[in-house]
């Protein structure tokens, strides 16, 4: 930041400096590196890191601090305008047309998944999830996909975020479901919210890590264009197509998106 402003907010300035530094870093940074880079004392940095971590904007691992997807999710609560959206949107529109079903894209935001793109089913009837819809990661097919396709440390950190909310976890059952999703390259599960709907989900992978989850809430009916098995394969093919297109951009941690809804 250059120049003097009329109003000063030192704490906010420190927080923004840390976020900008981590956004520009290719690897996680330890506290002493952040202190040196910003020319601030470790005690100043420590307090700000604690606050940013508590609010979910950064995450801590053995190798240091990194940005989370929280800023990305905040920005994407408006109609999506950035790389992931522009790549996924036409693929998802084609998926909905071919399957005759709606579909949506979700990313992780702290202990929850949040829907950032939703495509309605073609025709006069169908079921669709709204943009901005949130649900605990372990309680949705999309969320479990986001949990499953992570390195062990990242998955453990996400599970810690869930525990911190007071949610009860059936650790053994969840681990079994996550491992099965990885083995199968996706997951099929009854909707936790509505009867008669089956969620078909697959990961958007970059560098082998799920950056997003593509889900089709399959509604069975006599007029269906494709079977649930065929639609599951369509979802996986679409997710692979989006991931292949995004990989060159998203091998680094996802850039945070400006704006909000």
Protein backbone atom coordinates (compact mmCIF):
# COMPACT_ATOMS: atom_id res chain seq x y z
CA UNK A 1 0.00 0.00 0.00
CA UNK A 2 1.37 3.45 -0.93
CA UNK A 3 0.54 6.97 0.15
CA UNK A 4 -1.24 8.28 3.23
CA UNK A 5 -4.94 7.95 3.80
CA UNK A 6 -7.04 10.29 5.86
CA UNK A 7 -8.18 7.56 8.23
CA UNK A 8 -5.93 4.94 9.78
CA UNK A 9 -6.91 1.44 10.95
CA UNK A 10 -3.61 -0.20 12.01
CA UNK A 11 -5.10 -3.57 12.92
CA UNK A 12 -6.98 -3.82 9.64
CA UNK A 13 -3.85 -2.79 7.76
CA UNK A 14 -1.84 -5.57 9.40
CA UNK A 15 -4.50 -8.13 8.59
CA UNK A 16 -4.68 -7.09 4.94
CA UNK A 17 -0.88 -7.13 4.65
CA UNK A 18 -0.82 -10.72 5.92
CA UNK A 19 -3.57 -11.83 3.53
CA UNK A 20 -1.83 -10.19 0.56
CA UNK A 21 1.51 -11.75 1.52
CA UNK A 22 0.03 -15.25 1.81
CA UNK A 23 -1.87 -14.79 -1.45
CA UNK A 24 1.39 -14.02 -3.26
CA UNK A 25 3.34 -16.88 -1.64
CA UNK A 26 3.67 -20.15 -3.52
CA UNK A 27 4.12 -22.11 -0.26
CA UNK A 28 2.86 -21.76 3.32
CA UNK A 29 4.81 -19.27 5.45
CA UNK A 30 5.87 -19.63 9.07
CA UNK A 31 5.32 -16.80 11.55
CA UNK A 32 8.93 -15.58 11.54
CA UNK A 33 8.94 -15.35 7.74
CA UNK A 34 5.75 -13.28 7.82
CA UNK A 35 7.22 -11.04 10.52
CA UNK A 36 10.39 -10.40 8.51
CA UNK A 37 8.55 -9.88 5.21
CA UNK A 38 6.21 -7.28 6.73
CA UNK A 39 8.76 -5.64 9.02
CA UNK A 40 6.59 -6.18 12.08
CA UNK A 41 7.27 -7.83 15.43
CA UNK A 42 6.38 -11.46 16.03
CA UNK A 43 4.00 -10.42 18.82
CA UNK A 44 2.07 -8.15 16.44
CA UNK A 45 1.91 -10.87 13.79
CA UNK A 46 0.95 -13.57 16.31
CA UNK A 47 -2.15 -11.72 17.47
CA UNK A 48 -3.32 -10.99 13.93
CA UNK A 49 -2.68 -14.56 12.75
CA UNK A 50 -4.79 -15.83 15.66
CA UNK A 51 -7.70 -13.60 14.68
CA UNK A 52 -7.48 -14.44 10.97
CA UNK A 53 -7.33 -18.16 11.76
CA UNK A 54 -10.28 -17.94 14.16
CA UNK A 55 -12.34 -16.29 11.43
CA UNK A 56 -11.34 -18.89 8.85
CA UNK A 57 -9.36 -16.68 6.48
CA UNK A 58 -6.11 -18.57 6.98
CA UNK A 59 -5.20 -22.08 8.10
CA UNK A 60 -2.16 -23.38 9.94
CA UNK A 61 -0.29 -26.58 9.18
CA UNK A 62 3.15 -27.91 10.13
CA UNK A 63 4.76 -26.11 7.21
CA UNK A 64 3.18 -22.74 7.99
CA UNK A 65 0.16 -20.55 7.31
CA UNK A 66 -1.84 -20.50 4.08
CA UNK A 67 -4.97 -18.84 2.80
CA UNK A 68 -8.24 -20.77 2.96
CA UNK A 69 -11.06 -20.59 0.43
CA UNK A 70 -13.06 -18.22 2.65
CA UNK A 71 -12.32 -15.07 0.66
CA UNK A 72 -12.99 -17.01 -2.53
CA UNK A 73 -16.36 -18.17 -1.22
CA UNK A 74 -17.27 -14.66 -0.09
CA UNK A 75 -16.50 -13.26 -3.53
CA UNK A 76 -18.30 -16.08 -5.27
CA UNK A 77 -21.53 -15.46 -3.36
CA UNK A 78 -22.32 -13.07 -6.22
CA UNK A 79 -23.04 -14.63 -9.63
CA UNK A 80 -19.65 -16.28 -10.33
CA UNK A 81 -17.34 -14.16 -12.46
CA UNK A 82 -13.90 -15.69 -12.34
CA UNK A 83 -11.87 -18.58 -13.76
CA UNK A 84 -13.65 -21.53 -12.14
CA UNK A 85 -17.07 -20.19 -13.05
CA UNK A 86 -16.24 -19.25 -16.62
CA UNK A 87 -14.70 -22.69 -17.22
CA UNK A 88 -17.38 -24.71 -15.47
CA UNK A 89 -20.48 -22.88 -16.65
CA UNK A 90 -20.64 -24.06 -20.29
CA UNK A 91 -19.72 -27.61 -19.29
CA UNK A 92 -22.45 -27.64 -16.66
CA UNK A 93 -25.02 -26.21 -19.05
CA UNK A 94 -24.22 -29.00 -21.52
CA UNK A 95 -24.40 -31.57 -18.70
CA UNK A 96 -27.87 -30.38 -17.66
CA UNK A 97 -29.08 -30.46 -21.26
CA UNK A 98 -27.79 -33.97 -21.96
CA UNK A 99 -28.98 -35.45 -18.67
CA UNK A 100 -32.22 -33.52 -18.38
CA UNK A 101 -31.30 -32.80 -14.74
CA UNK A 102 -30.04 -29.83 -12.74
CA UNK A 103 -26.48 -29.64 -11.42
CA UNK A 104 -24.45 -27.42 -9.12
CA UNK A 105 -20.85 -26.67 -8.16
CA UNK A 106 -19.72 -26.31 -4.55
CA UNK A 107 -16.51 -25.27 -2.80
CA UNK A 108 -15.38 -25.56 0.81
CA UNK A 109 -15.83 -22.59 3.13
CA UNK A 110 -14.56 -23.38 6.59
CA UNK A 111 -16.58 -26.30 7.95
CA UNK A 112 -19.22 -25.97 5.24
CA UNK A 113 -19.66 -26.39 1.54
CA UNK A 114 -21.20 -23.50 -0.38
CA UNK A 115 -22.84 -23.68 -3.80
CA UNK A 116 -21.31 -21.16 -6.21
CA UNK A 117 -22.96 -22.20 -9.50
CA UNK A 118 -26.38 -23.78 -10.05
CA UNK A 119 -27.85 -24.85 -13.39
CA UNK A 120 -31.55 -25.64 -13.54
CA UNK A 121 -32.91 -28.69 -15.34
CA UNK A 122 -34.22 -28.01 -18.84
CA UNK A 123 -37.98 -28.06 -19.26
CA UNK A 124 -40.83 -27.00 -17.03
CA UNK A 125 -40.10 -29.18 -14.01
CA UNK A 126 -37.07 -30.20 -12.00
CA UNK A 127 -35.18 -29.62 -8.79
CA UNK A 128 -32.28 -27.22 -8.32
CA UNK A 129 -30.15 -26.03 -5.42
CA UNK A 130 -29.78 -22.26 -5.08
CA UNK A 131 -26.48 -20.39 -5.29
CA UNK A 132 -25.23 -19.62 -1.79
CA UNK A 133 -26.74 -22.76 -0.24
CA UNK A 134 -24.56 -24.01 2.62
CA UNK A 135 -24.37 -27.27 4.51
CA UNK A 136 -21.77 -28.86 6.84
CA UNK A 137 -19.13 -30.66 4.81
CA UNK A 138 -19.78 -34.10 6.31
CA UNK A 139 -23.56 -33.84 5.87
CA UNK A 140 -23.69 -33.51 2.08
CA UNK A 141 -22.41 -35.53 -0.86
CA UNK A 142 -20.64 -32.46 -2.25
CA UNK A 143 -18.99 -31.78 1.10
CA UNK A 144 -17.80 -35.35 1.50
CA UNK A 145 -16.26 -35.18 -1.98
CA UNK A 146 -14.41 -32.01 -0.94
CA UNK A 147 -13.19 -33.78 2.20
CA UNK A 148 -12.28 -37.04 0.48
CA UNK A 149 -10.01 -35.72 -2.25
CA UNK A 150 -7.55 -33.89 -0.01
CA UNK A 151 -4.06 -34.66 1.28
CA UNK A 152 -4.18 -36.20 4.79
CA UNK A 153 -3.13 -32.97 6.54
CA UNK A 154 -5.70 -30.88 4.70
CA UNK A 155 -8.46 -33.40 5.38
CA UNK A 156 -7.53 -33.50 9.08
CA UNK A 157 -7.62 -29.69 9.26
CA UNK A 158 -11.06 -29.60 7.62
CA UNK A 159 -12.34 -32.20 10.08
CA UNK A 160 -10.95 -30.08 12.93
CA UNK A 161 -12.94 -27.14 11.56
CA UNK A 162 -16.09 -29.27 11.67
CA UNK A 163 -15.41 -30.42 15.24
CA UNK A 164 -14.83 -26.81 16.29
CA UNK A 165 -18.43 -25.99 15.33
CA UNK A 166 -19.72 -28.55 17.85
CA UNK A 167 -20.91 -30.96 15.15
CA UNK A 168 -20.91 -34.64 16.13
CA UNK A 169 -18.86 -36.85 13.83
CA UNK A 170 -19.12 -40.60 13.38
CA UNK A 171 -15.42 -40.86 12.62
CA UNK A 172 -15.35 -44.49 11.46
CA UNK A 173 -18.40 -44.20 9.21
CA UNK A 174 -17.21 -40.92 7.69
CA UNK A 175 -13.71 -42.27 7.01
CA UNK A 176 -15.24 -45.30 5.28
CA UNK A 177 -17.42 -43.09 3.06
CA UNK A 178 -14.52 -40.78 2.19
CA UNK A 179 -12.23 -43.67 1.30
CA UNK A 180 -14.97 -45.24 -0.83
CA UNK A 181 -15.45 -41.96 -2.69
CA UNK A 182 -11.74 -41.81 -3.50
CA UNK A 183 -11.69 -45.44 -4.62
CA UNK A 184 -14.73 -44.92 -6.85
CA UNK A 185 -13.74 -41.52 -8.20
CA UNK A 186 -16.97 -39.99 -6.87
CA UNK A 187 -20.02 -40.79 -4.79
CA UNK A 188 -23.72 -41.59 -5.10
CA UNK A 189 -25.95 -41.02 -2.09
CA UNK A 190 -29.60 -40.32 -1.26
CA UNK A 191 -30.28 -36.64 -0.69
CA UNK A 192 -30.16 -35.82 3.04
CA UNK A 193 -32.91 -33.23 2.55
CA UNK A 194 -35.50 -34.67 0.15
CA UNK A 195 -36.80 -38.16 -0.58
CA UNK A 196 -36.74 -39.38 -4.18
CA UNK A 197 -33.54 -37.50 -5.02
CA UNK A 198 -30.13 -39.13 -5.43
CA UNK A 199 -27.02 -36.95 -5.32
CA UNK A 200 -24.41 -37.86 -7.94
CA UNK A 201 -21.08 -36.17 -7.19
CA UNK A 202 -17.56 -36.02 -8.57
CA UNK A 203 -14.50 -33.89 -7.72
CA UNK A 204 -13.03 -31.06 -9.78
CA UNK A 205 -9.39 -32.03 -9.37
CA UNK A 206 -6.27 -29.93 -9.78
CA UNK A 207 -3.04 -31.64 -8.87
CA UNK A 208 -5.05 -34.52 -7.43
CA UNK A 209 -6.82 -32.24 -4.92
CA UNK A 210 -10.52 -31.38 -4.99
CA UNK A 211 -10.92 -27.65 -5.62
CA UNK A 212 -14.68 -28.02 -6.09
CA UNK A 213 -17.39 -30.69 -6.24
CA UNK A 214 -19.83 -31.14 -9.11
CA UNK A 215 -23.18 -32.62 -8.06
CA UNK A 216 -26.35 -33.60 -9.88
CA UNK A 217 -29.45 -34.05 -7.67
CA UNK A 218 -30.97 -36.82 -9.80
CA UNK A 219 -34.76 -36.92 -9.86
CA UNK A 220 -36.14 -40.25 -11.04
CA UNK A 221 -39.13 -40.22 -13.35
CA UNK A 222 -40.73 -41.80 -16.41
CA UNK A 223 -39.66 -38.92 -18.67
CA UNK A 224 -35.96 -39.09 -17.74
CA UNK A 225 -33.51 -38.77 -20.60
CA UNK A 226 -30.91 -41.01 -18.94
CA UNK A 227 -30.62 -43.56 -16.14
CA UNK A 228 -29.00 -42.78 -12.82
CA UNK A 229 -25.96 -44.82 -13.85
CA UNK A 230 -25.62 -42.93 -17.14
CA UNK A 231 -26.04 -39.59 -15.38
CA UNK A 232 -23.39 -40.51 -12.81
CA UNK A 233 -20.93 -41.12 -15.64
CA UNK A 234 -21.92 -37.83 -17.29
CA UNK A 235 -21.18 -36.01 -14.02
CA UNK A 236 -17.76 -37.63 -13.73
CA UNK A 237 -16.90 -36.86 -17.35
CA UNK A 238 -17.96 -33.23 -16.90
CA UNK A 239 -15.94 -32.90 -13.68
CA UNK A 240 -12.87 -34.31 -15.41
CA UNK A 241 -13.31 -31.88 -18.29
CA UNK A 242 -13.54 -28.88 -15.95
CA UNK A 243 -10.58 -30.09 -13.89
CA UNK A 244 -8.42 -30.55 -16.98
CA UNK A 245 -9.18 -27.02 -18.14
CA UNK A 246 -8.61 -25.53 -14.67
CA UNK A 247 -5.46 -27.42 -13.72
CA UNK A 248 -2.94 -25.03 -15.31
CA UNK A 249 -4.55 -22.17 -13.35
CA UNK A 250 -5.35 -23.91 -10.07
CA UNK A 251 -2.28 -26.00 -9.31
CA UNK A 252 -1.32 -23.12 -7.03
CA UNK A 253 -3.74 -22.32 -4.18
CA UNK A 254 -6.92 -20.79 -5.63
CA UNK A 255 -6.78 -17.01 -5.99
CA UNK A 256 -9.27 -15.16 -3.85
CA UNK A 257 -12.11 -13.56 -5.74
CA UNK A 258 -13.16 -9.98 -5.19
CA UNK A 259 -16.78 -8.95 -4.83
CA UNK A 260 -19.75 -10.38 -2.94
CA UNK A 261 -23.44 -11.16 -3.19
